[in-house]
Amino acid sequence: MKWQEVRELYPSQFVLVSILDYHLEGDKKIADEVAPIRTIPEEEVNKEFFRVEEGNIVYHTSNDNLVIHLRR
């Protein structure tokens, strides 16, 4: 599923998604395909953010693109 589809299904919410496919642009990982797992209530976001498994991310659907800034 494209990030734009997730944004339409879950407007203005935090969601836990699995990143299925991505591409790199410099120091950014940009998700091309994701699989939504569930929405995250706002009061649980911090806890879930630090508990997330590799390959998954908590992100807010108000963002136009799902972009992860990489540290090198």
N, C-alpha and C. Protein backbone atom coordinates (compact mmCIF):
# COMPACT_ATOMS: atom_id res chain seq x y z
N MET A 1 0.86 -1.17 0.00
CA MET A 1 0.00 0.00 0.00
C MET A 1 0.91 1.23 0.00
N LYS A 2 0.52 2.23 -0.73
CA LYS A 2 1.26 3.49 -0.78
C LYS A 2 0.95 4.32 0.47
N TRP A 3 1.89 5.17 0.87
CA TRP A 3 1.70 6.03 2.03
C TRP A 3 0.47 6.91 1.86
N GLN A 4 0.22 7.39 0.67
CA GLN A 4 -0.95 8.24 0.43
C GLN A 4 -2.26 7.51 0.74
N GLU A 5 -2.30 6.22 0.46
CA GLU A 5 -3.49 5.42 0.77
C GLU A 5 -3.68 5.30 2.29
N VAL A 6 -2.57 5.12 3.01
CA VAL A 6 -2.63 5.05 4.48
C VAL A 6 -3.15 6.37 5.02
N ARG A 7 -2.67 7.48 4.46
CA ARG A 7 -3.10 8.81 4.90
C ARG A 7 -4.61 9.00 4.70
N GLU A 8 -5.14 8.45 3.62
CA GLU A 8 -6.58 8.57 3.35
C GLU A 8 -7.40 7.69 4.30
N LEU A 9 -6.89 6.50 4.61
CA LEU A 9 -7.60 5.58 5.50
C LEU A 9 -7.59 6.03 6.95
N TYR A 10 -6.47 6.65 7.37
CA TYR A 10 -6.28 7.04 8.77
C TYR A 10 -5.88 8.51 8.87
N PRO A 11 -6.77 9.43 8.52
CA PRO A 11 -6.39 10.85 8.52
C PRO A 11 -6.08 11.36 9.93
N SER A 12 -5.02 12.16 10.02
CA SER A 12 -4.61 12.83 11.27
C SER A 12 -4.46 11.88 12.45
N GLN A 13 -3.79 10.76 12.21
CA GLN A 13 -3.57 9.77 13.26
C GLN A 13 -2.13 9.26 13.22
N PHE A 14 -1.66 8.76 14.35
CA PHE A 14 -0.40 8.03 14.37
C PHE A 14 -0.71 6.59 13.98
N VAL A 15 0.14 6.03 13.14
CA VAL A 15 -0.04 4.63 12.73
C VAL A 15 1.28 3.89 12.84
N LEU A 16 1.18 2.63 13.17
CA LEU A 16 2.32 1.73 13.15
C LEU A 16 2.28 1.04 11.80
N VAL A 17 3.36 1.18 11.04
CA VAL A 17 3.41 0.56 9.71
C VAL A 17 4.68 -0.26 9.56
N SER A 18 4.61 -1.26 8.72
CA SER A 18 5.77 -2.04 8.33
C SER A 18 6.21 -1.51 6.97
N ILE A 19 7.49 -1.22 6.85
CA ILE A 19 8.01 -0.71 5.57
C ILE A 19 8.37 -1.91 4.70
N LEU A 20 7.66 -2.06 3.59
CA LEU A 20 7.87 -3.20 2.70
C LEU A 20 8.89 -2.90 1.62
N ASP A 21 8.93 -1.65 1.14
CA ASP A 21 9.86 -1.26 0.09
C ASP A 21 10.18 0.22 0.26
N TYR A 22 11.42 0.59 -0.07
CA TYR A 22 11.85 1.98 0.07
C TYR A 22 12.96 2.26 -0.93
N HIS A 23 13.27 3.54 -1.08
CA HIS A 23 14.44 3.93 -1.86
C HIS A 23 15.20 4.99 -1.08
N LEU A 24 16.48 5.14 -1.40
CA LEU A 24 17.33 6.10 -0.71
C LEU A 24 17.55 7.33 -1.58
N GLU A 25 17.52 8.47 -0.94
CA GLU A 25 17.86 9.74 -1.58
C GLU A 25 18.80 10.46 -0.63
N GLY A 26 20.09 10.32 -0.89
CA GLY A 26 21.08 10.91 0.00
C GLY A 26 21.00 10.28 1.38
N ASP A 27 20.74 11.11 2.39
CA ASP A 27 20.66 10.61 3.76
C ASP A 27 19.21 10.38 4.20
N LYS A 28 18.34 10.11 3.22
CA LYS A 28 16.92 9.88 3.53
C LYS A 28 16.47 8.53 2.98
N LYS A 29 15.70 7.80 3.80
CA LYS A 29 15.04 6.57 3.36
C LYS A 29 13.57 6.93 3.16
N ILE A 30 13.09 6.78 1.94
CA ILE A 30 11.72 7.15 1.60
C ILE A 30 10.92 5.89 1.31
N ALA A 31 9.86 5.68 2.08
CA ALA A 31 9.04 4.48 1.95
C ALA A 31 8.20 4.54 0.67
N ASP A 32 8.24 3.46 -0.10
CA ASP A 32 7.42 3.35 -1.31
C ASP A 32 6.19 2.49 -1.06
N GLU A 33 6.36 1.42 -0.31
CA GLU A 33 5.26 0.51 0.02
C GLU A 33 5.28 0.22 1.51
N VAL A 34 4.12 0.33 2.14
CA VAL A 34 3.99 0.05 3.56
C VAL A 34 2.77 -0.82 3.81
N ALA A 35 2.77 -1.46 4.97
CA ALA A 35 1.61 -2.25 5.40
C ALA A 35 1.19 -1.71 6.77
N PRO A 36 0.03 -1.07 6.85
CA PRO A 36 -0.42 -0.58 8.15
C PRO A 36 -0.70 -1.74 9.10
N ILE A 37 -0.25 -1.59 10.34
CA ILE A 37 -0.47 -2.61 11.35
C ILE A 37 -1.63 -2.21 12.25
N ARG A 38 -1.56 -0.97 12.79
CA ARG A 38 -2.65 -0.46 13.62
C ARG A 38 -2.43 1.02 13.89
N THR A 39 -3.48 1.67 14.34
CA THR A 39 -3.36 3.06 14.77
C THR A 39 -2.84 3.06 16.20
N ILE A 40 -2.21 4.17 16.58
CA ILE A 40 -1.66 4.31 17.93
C ILE A 40 -2.34 5.50 18.60
N PRO A 41 -2.98 5.29 19.74
CA PRO A 41 -3.57 6.41 20.47
C PRO A 41 -2.47 7.40 20.87
N GLU A 42 -2.78 8.67 20.81
CA GLU A 42 -1.78 9.72 21.06
C GLU A 42 -1.06 9.56 22.40
N GLU A 43 -1.77 9.10 23.42
CA GLU A 43 -1.15 8.95 24.73
C GLU A 43 -0.16 7.78 24.80
N GLU A 44 -0.14 6.91 23.78
CA GLU A 44 0.76 5.76 23.77
C GLU A 44 1.89 5.88 22.75
N VAL A 45 1.96 7.00 22.04
CA VAL A 45 2.92 7.14 20.94
C VAL A 45 4.36 7.01 21.42
N ASN A 46 4.74 7.72 22.48
CA ASN A 46 6.13 7.66 22.94
C ASN A 46 6.54 6.25 23.33
N LYS A 47 5.68 5.57 24.05
CA LYS A 47 5.98 4.19 24.48
C LYS A 47 6.13 3.28 23.26
N GLU A 48 5.23 3.40 22.31
CA GLU A 48 5.27 2.56 21.11
C GLU A 48 6.47 2.90 20.23
N PHE A 49 6.82 4.16 20.16
CA PHE A 49 7.95 4.60 19.35
C PHE A 49 9.24 3.89 19.76
N PHE A 50 9.45 3.72 21.07
CA PHE A 50 10.66 3.09 21.56
C PHE A 50 10.57 1.56 21.61
N ARG A 51 9.39 1.02 21.40
CA ARG A 51 9.17 -0.43 21.42
C ARG A 51 9.11 -1.04 20.03
N VAL A 52 9.10 -0.22 19.02
CA VAL A 52 8.89 -0.68 17.65
C VAL A 52 10.01 -1.63 17.19
N GLU A 53 9.62 -2.65 16.44
CA GLU A 53 10.58 -3.63 15.93
C GLU A 53 11.22 -3.12 14.65
N GLU A 54 12.38 -3.70 14.32
CA GLU A 54 13.09 -3.31 13.10
C GLU A 54 12.20 -3.53 11.87
N GLY A 55 12.21 -2.55 10.98
CA GLY A 55 11.38 -2.62 9.78
C GLY A 55 10.03 -1.97 9.93
N ASN A 56 9.69 -1.59 11.16
CA ASN A 56 8.42 -0.91 11.44
C ASN A 56 8.71 0.51 11.91
N ILE A 57 7.69 1.36 11.83
CA ILE A 57 7.84 2.73 12.30
C ILE A 57 6.47 3.27 12.71
N VAL A 58 6.49 4.16 13.69
CA VAL A 58 5.31 4.91 14.08
C VAL A 58 5.42 6.26 13.39
N TYR A 59 4.39 6.65 12.66
CA TYR A 59 4.45 7.89 11.87
C TYR A 59 3.07 8.52 11.84
N HIS A 60 3.02 9.83 11.73
CA HIS A 60 1.75 10.54 11.71
C HIS A 60 1.31 10.79 10.26
N THR A 61 0.05 10.57 9.99
CA THR A 61 -0.45 10.69 8.63
C THR A 61 -0.59 12.13 8.14
N SER A 62 -0.29 13.11 8.96
CA SER A 62 -0.29 14.49 8.48
C SER A 62 0.93 14.77 7.59
N ASN A 63 1.92 13.87 7.62
CA ASN A 63 3.11 14.01 6.78
C ASN A 63 2.82 13.56 5.36
N ASP A 64 3.23 14.38 4.39
CA ASP A 64 2.98 14.06 2.98
C ASP A 64 3.70 12.79 2.54
N ASN A 65 4.91 12.58 3.04
CA ASN A 65 5.71 11.41 2.67
C ASN A 65 6.25 10.77 3.94
N LEU A 66 6.50 9.47 3.87
CA LEU A 66 7.11 8.77 4.98
C LEU A 66 8.62 8.77 4.73
N VAL A 67 9.33 9.67 5.43
CA VAL A 67 10.76 9.86 5.23
C VAL A 67 11.49 9.63 6.55
N ILE A 68 12.53 8.82 6.49
CA ILE A 68 13.38 8.56 7.65
C ILE A 68 14.75 9.16 7.36
N HIS A 69 15.18 10.06 8.22
CA HIS A 69 16.50 10.67 8.07
C HIS A 69 17.53 9.76 8.69
N LEU A 70 18.52 9.37 7.91
CA LEU A 70 19.55 8.44 8.36
C LEU A 70 20.75 9.18 8.94
N ARG A 71 21.27 8.65 10.01
CA ARG A 71 22.52 9.17 10.59
C ARG A 71 23.66 8.31 10.12
N ARG A 72 24.71 8.95 9.70
CA ARG A 72 25.87 8.18 9.22
C ARG A 72 27.09 8.52 10.01
